[in-house]
Protein backbone atom coordinates (compact mmCIF):
# COMPACT_ATOMS: atom_id res chain seq x y z
CA MET A 1 2.93 -7.42 16.32
CA GLU A 2 2.27 -7.12 12.63
CA ASP A 3 4.84 -7.82 10.17
CA GLU A 4 6.37 -5.68 7.65
CA LYS A 5 4.62 -7.11 4.85
CA THR A 6 1.14 -7.02 6.43
CA ARG A 7 1.76 -3.37 7.48
CA LEU A 8 2.81 -2.17 3.90
CA LEU A 9 -0.24 -4.22 2.29
CA ALA A 10 -2.48 -2.28 4.77
CA GLU A 11 -0.99 1.22 3.87
CA ALA A 12 -1.64 0.25 0.23
CA GLN A 13 -5.20 -0.72 0.91
CA ARG A 14 -5.77 2.75 2.87
CA CYS A 15 -4.28 4.78 -0.10
CA ARG A 16 -6.60 2.90 -2.43
CA ARG A 17 -9.59 3.40 -0.23
CA LEU A 18 -8.94 7.11 0.24
CA ALA A 19 -8.24 7.62 -3.45
CA ALA A 20 -11.66 6.02 -4.20
CA SER A 21 -13.42 8.69 -2.05
CA ILE A 22 -11.65 11.71 -3.56
CA THR A 23 -12.69 13.56 -6.92
CA ASP A 24 -9.26 15.43 -7.35
CA PRO A 25 -7.76 13.49 -10.34
CA GLU A 26 -4.16 14.62 -9.24
CA VAL A 27 -4.60 13.32 -5.64
CA ILE A 28 -6.02 10.00 -6.89
CA GLU A 29 -3.07 9.52 -9.02
CA ARG A 30 -0.58 10.31 -6.34
CA LEU A 31 -2.41 7.97 -3.88
CA ALA A 32 -2.55 5.26 -6.59
CA ALA A 33 1.18 5.49 -7.16
CA LEU A 34 1.78 5.41 -3.32
CA ALA A 35 -0.34 2.23 -3.08
CA GLU A 36 1.88 0.76 -5.82
CA GLU A 37 5.12 1.61 -4.09
CA TYR A 38 3.77 0.13 -0.78
CA GLU A 39 2.71 -3.03 -2.63
CA CYS A 40 6.09 -3.41 -4.45
CA ARG A 41 7.97 -3.03 -1.00
CA ALA A 42 5.62 -5.57 0.44
CA ASN A 43 6.37 -7.99 -2.33
CA ALA A 44 10.14 -7.47 -1.71
CA SER A 45 9.67 -7.87 1.96
CA PRO A 46 10.59 -11.30 3.26
CA ASP A 47 7.79 -13.48 4.37
CA PRO A 48 7.94 -13.96 8.23
CA LYS A 49 6.59 -17.64 7.60
CA ASP A 50 9.80 -18.41 5.76
CA GLY A 51 12.39 -17.46 8.38
């Protein structure tokens, strides 16, 4: 089973990959913001190796 941190980082990567394939600047900006949010949440998530 995937841990929360890995799942959030995968979501961020998906957002960035999708943003790279789109030409609408507003959508790109929203996807980039969403990716940043996922990365912040992943960084705040406890590492399963530590517990």
